[in-house]
Amino acid sequence: MSYGPILVLFTIAVLFAGMSLLAAFLVRPKVKAPLKDSAYECGMEAVGTTMGQTNIRFYTYALLFVIFDVEALYLFPWAVVVRALGAFAIVEMAIFLGVLAAGLAYAWKMGALQWE
């Protein structure tokens, strides 16, 4: 297999990204102003600290969503070719779904799905 076309496309991609960054650097405004360096949100000055703590439950829900989204990502292509793969594919998918179900049961048991 010849890797020449891949090298050419990689070189074009790197050059395109580099030239885009260089062009953005050359045409951007270079005005120094105190207002430019200040934090801006809704036109009001920040009162107090802007550092906020995010509850770990947000990350837990996001991680569970990603896990089951990936499950769906694997489940749909598998369903298309399951007849061609035979019984082995059904056993493999049953193991995969069992591991995910065990993870969901664990998260449920530990109270990760309760929002209080």
N, C-alpha and C. Protein backbone atom coordinates (compact mmCIF):
# COMPACT_ATOMS: atom_id res chain seq x y z
N MET A 1 0.85 -1.19 0.00
CA MET A 1 0.00 0.00 0.00
C MET A 1 0.89 1.24 0.00
N SER A 2 0.54 2.19 -0.81
CA SER A 2 1.30 3.41 -0.91
C SER A 2 0.76 4.46 0.06
N TYR A 3 1.65 5.02 0.84
CA TYR A 3 1.26 6.04 1.81
C TYR A 3 1.44 7.45 1.27
N GLY A 4 1.79 7.57 0.02
CA GLY A 4 2.00 8.89 -0.59
C GLY A 4 0.77 9.79 -0.54
N PRO A 5 -0.41 9.30 -0.96
CA PRO A 5 -1.59 10.16 -0.91
C PRO A 5 -1.94 10.60 0.52
N ILE A 6 -1.73 9.72 1.48
CA ILE A 6 -2.01 10.08 2.88
C ILE A 6 -1.06 11.18 3.33
N LEU A 7 0.21 11.05 2.96
CA LEU A 7 1.20 12.08 3.32
C LEU A 7 0.86 13.41 2.66
N VAL A 8 0.43 13.38 1.42
CA VAL A 8 0.04 14.61 0.72
C VAL A 8 -1.15 15.27 1.41
N LEU A 9 -2.19 14.49 1.75
CA LEU A 9 -3.36 15.05 2.44
C LEU A 9 -2.99 15.59 3.81
N PHE A 10 -2.13 14.88 4.53
CA PHE A 10 -1.69 15.35 5.84
C PHE A 10 -0.93 16.67 5.71
N THR A 11 -0.06 16.76 4.71
CA THR A 11 0.70 17.99 4.48
C THR A 11 -0.23 19.14 4.13
N ILE A 12 -1.22 18.88 3.28
CA ILE A 12 -2.18 19.93 2.92
C ILE A 12 -2.96 20.38 4.15
N ALA A 13 -3.38 19.44 5.01
CA ALA A 13 -4.13 19.79 6.22
C ALA A 13 -3.30 20.64 7.16
N VAL A 14 -2.03 20.27 7.36
CA VAL A 14 -1.16 21.04 8.25
C VAL A 14 -0.90 22.43 7.68
N LEU A 15 -0.66 22.51 6.38
CA LEU A 15 -0.43 23.82 5.76
C LEU A 15 -1.69 24.69 5.84
N PHE A 16 -2.85 24.10 5.60
CA PHE A 16 -4.10 24.87 5.68
C PHE A 16 -4.31 25.41 7.09
N ALA A 17 -4.10 24.57 8.09
CA ALA A 17 -4.28 25.02 9.48
C ALA A 17 -3.26 26.10 9.82
N GLY A 18 -2.02 25.90 9.42
CA GLY A 18 -0.98 26.89 9.71
C GLY A 18 -1.23 28.22 9.02
N MET A 19 -1.63 28.15 7.77
CA MET A 19 -1.90 29.40 7.02
C MET A 19 -3.13 30.11 7.59
N SER A 20 -4.14 29.36 8.04
CA SER A 20 -5.31 29.98 8.64
C SER A 20 -4.94 30.71 9.93
N LEU A 21 -4.13 30.08 10.74
CA LEU A 21 -3.69 30.73 11.98
C LEU A 21 -2.83 31.95 11.69
N LEU A 22 -1.96 31.84 10.72
CA LEU A 22 -1.12 32.99 10.35
C LEU A 22 -1.97 34.13 9.81
N ALA A 23 -2.94 33.84 8.96
CA ALA A 23 -3.82 34.89 8.42
C ALA A 23 -4.63 35.55 9.54
N ALA A 24 -5.13 34.76 10.47
CA ALA A 24 -5.88 35.32 11.59
C ALA A 24 -4.99 36.22 12.44
N PHE A 25 -3.73 35.82 12.63
CA PHE A 25 -2.80 36.62 13.41
C PHE A 25 -2.50 37.94 12.70
N LEU A 26 -2.39 37.92 11.38
CA LEU A 26 -2.03 39.12 10.63
C LEU A 26 -3.18 40.12 10.52
N VAL A 27 -4.42 39.66 10.43
CA VAL A 27 -5.53 40.58 10.20
C VAL A 27 -6.28 40.96 11.48
N ARG A 28 -5.93 40.39 12.61
CA ARG A 28 -6.66 40.71 13.84
C ARG A 28 -6.31 42.12 14.31
N PRO A 29 -7.22 42.78 15.02
CA PRO A 29 -6.91 44.09 15.56
C PRO A 29 -5.88 43.97 16.68
N LYS A 30 -4.96 44.92 16.72
CA LYS A 30 -3.89 44.87 17.70
C LYS A 30 -3.97 46.04 18.67
N VAL A 31 -5.17 46.47 18.98
CA VAL A 31 -5.37 47.61 19.87
C VAL A 31 -5.31 47.13 21.32
N LYS A 32 -4.45 47.77 22.13
CA LYS A 32 -4.39 47.46 23.55
C LYS A 32 -5.31 48.42 24.28
N ALA A 33 -6.24 47.88 25.02
CA ALA A 33 -7.17 48.71 25.79
C ALA A 33 -7.52 47.96 27.07
N PRO A 34 -7.69 48.69 28.17
CA PRO A 34 -8.05 48.02 29.42
C PRO A 34 -9.40 47.33 29.33
N LEU A 35 -10.31 47.89 28.57
CA LEU A 35 -11.63 47.29 28.42
C LEU A 35 -11.55 45.94 27.72
N LYS A 36 -10.59 45.83 26.79
CA LYS A 36 -10.43 44.58 26.06
C LYS A 36 -9.96 43.45 26.97
N ASP A 37 -9.17 43.77 27.99
CA ASP A 37 -8.64 42.76 28.89
C ASP A 37 -9.57 42.46 30.06
N SER A 38 -10.68 43.16 30.18
CA SER A 38 -11.58 42.92 31.31
C SER A 38 -12.56 41.79 30.98
N ALA A 39 -13.07 41.17 32.05
CA ALA A 39 -14.07 40.12 31.87
C ALA A 39 -15.41 40.77 31.52
N TYR A 40 -16.13 40.18 30.60
CA TYR A 40 -17.40 40.74 30.17
C TYR A 40 -18.45 39.66 30.15
N GLU A 41 -19.55 39.94 30.82
CA GLU A 41 -20.68 39.02 30.76
C GLU A 41 -21.94 39.83 31.03
N CYS A 42 -22.81 39.90 30.08
CA CYS A 42 -24.09 40.59 30.18
C CYS A 42 -23.93 42.09 30.45
N GLY A 43 -22.79 42.66 30.18
CA GLY A 43 -22.62 44.09 30.34
C GLY A 43 -22.46 44.56 31.77
N MET A 44 -22.35 43.67 32.71
CA MET A 44 -22.23 44.06 34.12
C MET A 44 -20.88 43.61 34.66
N GLU A 45 -20.36 44.41 35.58
CA GLU A 45 -19.11 44.03 36.22
C GLU A 45 -19.36 42.86 37.16
N ALA A 46 -18.42 41.95 37.24
CA ALA A 46 -18.54 40.81 38.14
C ALA A 46 -18.39 41.26 39.58
N VAL A 47 -19.23 40.73 40.45
CA VAL A 47 -19.17 41.02 41.87
C VAL A 47 -18.69 39.77 42.58
N GLY A 48 -17.63 39.87 43.33
CA GLY A 48 -17.10 38.70 44.02
C GLY A 48 -16.25 37.86 43.09
N THR A 49 -16.06 36.63 43.48
CA THR A 49 -15.24 35.73 42.68
C THR A 49 -16.04 35.16 41.52
N THR A 50 -15.39 34.93 40.42
CA THR A 50 -16.06 34.34 39.26
C THR A 50 -15.82 32.84 39.20
N MET A 51 -15.08 32.33 40.16
CA MET A 51 -14.80 30.89 40.21
C MET A 51 -15.97 30.19 40.88
N GLY A 52 -16.64 29.33 40.18
CA GLY A 52 -17.79 28.63 40.74
C GLY A 52 -17.54 27.13 40.77
N GLN A 53 -18.03 26.48 41.78
CA GLN A 53 -17.89 25.03 41.89
C GLN A 53 -19.07 24.36 41.19
N THR A 54 -18.78 23.40 40.35
CA THR A 54 -19.81 22.64 39.66
C THR A 54 -20.04 21.33 40.42
N ASN A 55 -21.28 21.02 40.63
CA ASN A 55 -21.63 19.82 41.35
C ASN A 55 -21.20 18.59 40.56
N ILE A 56 -20.70 17.59 41.26
CA ILE A 56 -20.21 16.37 40.61
C ILE A 56 -21.34 15.61 39.92
N ARG A 57 -22.58 15.86 40.31
CA ARG A 57 -23.70 15.17 39.68
C ARG A 57 -23.83 15.53 38.21
N PHE A 58 -23.47 16.75 37.83
CA PHE A 58 -23.50 17.12 36.42
C PHE A 58 -22.56 16.22 35.62
N TYR A 59 -21.37 15.98 36.14
CA TYR A 59 -20.40 15.14 35.45
C TYR A 59 -20.86 13.69 35.42
N THR A 60 -21.51 13.25 36.50
CA THR A 60 -22.01 11.88 36.54
C THR A 60 -23.08 11.66 35.48
N TYR A 61 -24.02 12.59 35.38
CA TYR A 61 -25.05 12.48 34.35
C TYR A 61 -24.44 12.54 32.95
N ALA A 62 -23.48 13.41 32.77
CA ALA A 62 -22.85 13.51 31.45
C ALA A 62 -22.12 12.22 31.09
N LEU A 63 -21.43 11.64 32.06
CA LEU A 63 -20.71 10.40 31.80
C LEU A 63 -21.67 9.25 31.51
N LEU A 64 -22.76 9.17 32.26
CA LEU A 64 -23.75 8.13 31.99
C LEU A 64 -24.38 8.33 30.62
N PHE A 65 -24.63 9.57 30.24
CA PHE A 65 -25.18 9.84 28.90
C PHE A 65 -24.22 9.38 27.83
N VAL A 66 -22.95 9.69 27.98
CA VAL A 66 -21.96 9.29 26.98
C VAL A 66 -21.87 7.77 26.89
N ILE A 67 -21.91 7.09 28.04
CA ILE A 67 -21.84 5.63 28.03
C ILE A 67 -22.99 5.03 27.23
N PHE A 68 -24.21 5.50 27.49
CA PHE A 68 -25.35 4.92 26.80
C PHE A 68 -25.49 5.44 25.37
N ASP A 69 -24.91 6.57 25.08
CA ASP A 69 -24.85 7.04 23.71
C ASP A 69 -23.91 6.17 22.90
N VAL A 70 -22.78 5.80 23.48
CA VAL A 70 -21.85 4.90 22.81
C VAL A 70 -22.48 3.52 22.63
N GLU A 71 -23.29 3.11 23.61
CA GLU A 71 -24.00 1.84 23.47
C GLU A 71 -24.89 1.86 22.23
N ALA A 72 -25.63 2.93 22.06
CA ALA A 72 -26.49 3.04 20.88
C ALA A 72 -25.66 3.08 19.60
N LEU A 73 -24.49 3.72 19.68
CA LEU A 73 -23.61 3.80 18.52
C LEU A 73 -23.15 2.41 18.08
N TYR A 74 -22.91 1.52 19.03
CA TYR A 74 -22.50 0.16 18.69
C TYR A 74 -23.69 -0.74 18.38
N LEU A 75 -24.83 -0.44 18.94
CA LEU A 75 -25.98 -1.32 18.80
C LEU A 75 -26.60 -1.24 17.40
N PHE A 76 -26.69 -0.07 16.81
CA PHE A 76 -27.33 0.05 15.50
C PHE A 76 -26.56 -0.64 14.37
N PRO A 77 -25.26 -0.44 14.23
CA PRO A 77 -24.56 -1.18 13.16
C PRO A 77 -24.57 -2.69 13.40
N TRP A 78 -24.52 -3.09 14.67
CA TRP A 78 -24.57 -4.51 14.99
C TRP A 78 -25.90 -5.11 14.53
N ALA A 79 -27.00 -4.39 14.73
CA ALA A 79 -28.31 -4.89 14.35
C ALA A 79 -28.42 -5.09 12.84
N VAL A 80 -27.67 -4.32 12.08
CA VAL A 80 -27.73 -4.45 10.63
C VAL A 80 -27.07 -5.75 10.16
N VAL A 81 -25.99 -6.17 10.82
CA VAL A 81 -25.22 -7.33 10.35
C VAL A 81 -25.34 -8.55 11.25
N VAL A 82 -26.28 -8.56 12.19
CA VAL A 82 -26.35 -9.65 13.16
C VAL A 82 -26.65 -10.99 12.49
N ARG A 83 -27.44 -11.02 11.45
CA ARG A 83 -27.75 -12.28 10.78
C ARG A 83 -26.52 -12.88 10.11
N ALA A 84 -25.70 -12.02 9.56
CA ALA A 84 -24.49 -12.51 8.89
C ALA A 84 -23.46 -13.00 9.89
N LEU A 85 -23.47 -12.48 11.09
CA LEU A 85 -22.47 -12.85 12.10
C LEU A 85 -22.84 -14.09 12.88
N GLY A 86 -24.12 -14.35 13.03
CA GLY A 86 -24.56 -15.58 13.69
C GLY A 86 -24.70 -15.45 15.20
N ALA A 87 -24.74 -16.61 15.85
CA ALA A 87 -25.01 -16.67 17.28
C ALA A 87 -23.88 -16.06 18.11
N PHE A 88 -22.66 -16.13 17.61
CA PHE A 88 -21.53 -15.54 18.34
C PHE A 88 -21.73 -14.05 18.56
N ALA A 89 -22.27 -13.36 17.57
CA ALA A 89 -22.51 -11.92 17.69
C ALA A 89 -23.59 -11.63 18.73
N ILE A 90 -24.58 -12.48 18.84
CA ILE A 90 -25.63 -12.29 19.83
C ILE A 90 -25.07 -12.45 21.23
N VAL A 91 -24.21 -13.44 21.42
CA VAL A 91 -23.58 -13.65 22.73
C VAL A 91 -22.68 -12.46 23.08
N GLU A 92 -21.89 -12.01 22.11
CA GLU A 92 -21.02 -10.85 22.34
C GLU A 92 -21.82 -9.62 22.75
N MET A 93 -22.92 -9.35 22.05
CA MET A 93 -23.73 -8.18 22.37
C MET A 93 -24.43 -8.35 23.71
N ALA A 94 -24.82 -9.57 24.05
CA ALA A 94 -25.43 -9.82 25.36
C ALA A 94 -24.44 -9.52 26.48
N ILE A 95 -23.19 -9.90 26.28
CA ILE A 95 -22.15 -9.59 27.28
C ILE A 95 -21.95 -8.09 27.38
N PHE A 96 -21.89 -7.41 26.24
CA PHE A 96 -21.72 -5.95 26.22
C PHE A 96 -22.86 -5.25 26.93
N LEU A 97 -24.09 -5.64 26.61
CA LEU A 97 -25.25 -5.02 27.25
C LEU A 97 -25.32 -5.39 28.73
N GLY A 98 -24.89 -6.59 29.08
CA GLY A 98 -24.86 -6.99 30.49
C GLY A 98 -23.90 -6.15 31.31
N VAL A 99 -22.72 -5.86 30.75
CA VAL A 99 -21.75 -5.00 31.44
C VAL A 99 -22.33 -3.60 31.63
N LEU A 100 -22.96 -3.07 30.58
CA LEU A 100 -23.57 -1.74 30.70
C LEU A 100 -24.73 -1.74 31.69
N ALA A 101 -25.54 -2.80 31.70
CA ALA A 101 -26.64 -2.89 32.65
C ALA A 101 -26.11 -2.98 34.08
N ALA A 102 -25.01 -3.71 34.27
CA ALA A 102 -24.41 -3.79 35.60
C ALA A 102 -23.90 -2.42 36.05
N GLY A 103 -23.32 -1.68 35.13
CA GLY A 103 -22.87 -0.32 35.46
C GLY A 103 -24.03 0.59 35.81
N LEU A 104 -25.12 0.48 35.08
CA LEU A 104 -26.30 1.28 35.38
C LEU A 104 -26.89 0.89 36.73
N ALA A 105 -26.94 -0.40 37.01
CA ALA A 105 -27.46 -0.86 38.30
C ALA A 105 -26.59 -0.36 39.44
N TYR A 106 -25.28 -0.38 39.25
CA TYR A 106 -24.37 0.12 40.27
C TYR A 106 -24.58 1.62 40.51
N ALA A 107 -24.69 2.38 39.42
CA ALA A 107 -24.91 3.82 39.56
C ALA A 107 -26.25 4.09 40.25
N TRP A 108 -27.26 3.32 39.92
CA TRP A 108 -28.57 3.48 40.53
C TRP A 108 -28.51 3.14 42.02
N LYS A 109 -27.82 2.05 42.36
CA LYS A 109 -27.70 1.62 43.75
C LYS A 109 -26.93 2.65 44.59
N MET A 110 -25.92 3.25 44.00
CA MET A 110 -25.11 4.23 44.74
C MET A 110 -25.80 5.59 44.82
N GLY A 111 -26.96 5.75 44.18
CA GLY A 111 -27.71 7.00 44.27
C GLY A 111 -27.24 8.07 43.31
N ALA A 112 -26.49 7.67 42.29
CA ALA A 112 -25.96 8.64 41.33
C ALA A 112 -27.06 9.19 40.43
N LEU A 113 -28.19 8.53 40.34
CA LEU A 113 -29.26 8.98 39.46
C LEU A 113 -30.32 9.78 40.18
N GLN A 114 -30.14 10.02 41.47
CA GLN A 114 -31.09 10.82 42.22
C GLN A 114 -30.61 12.27 42.28
N TRP A 115 -31.50 13.16 41.99
CA TRP A 115 -31.18 14.58 41.99
C TRP A 115 -31.82 15.23 43.20
N GLU A 116 -31.01 15.51 44.20
CA GLU A 116 -31.54 16.11 45.43
C GLU A 116 -30.83 17.38 45.75
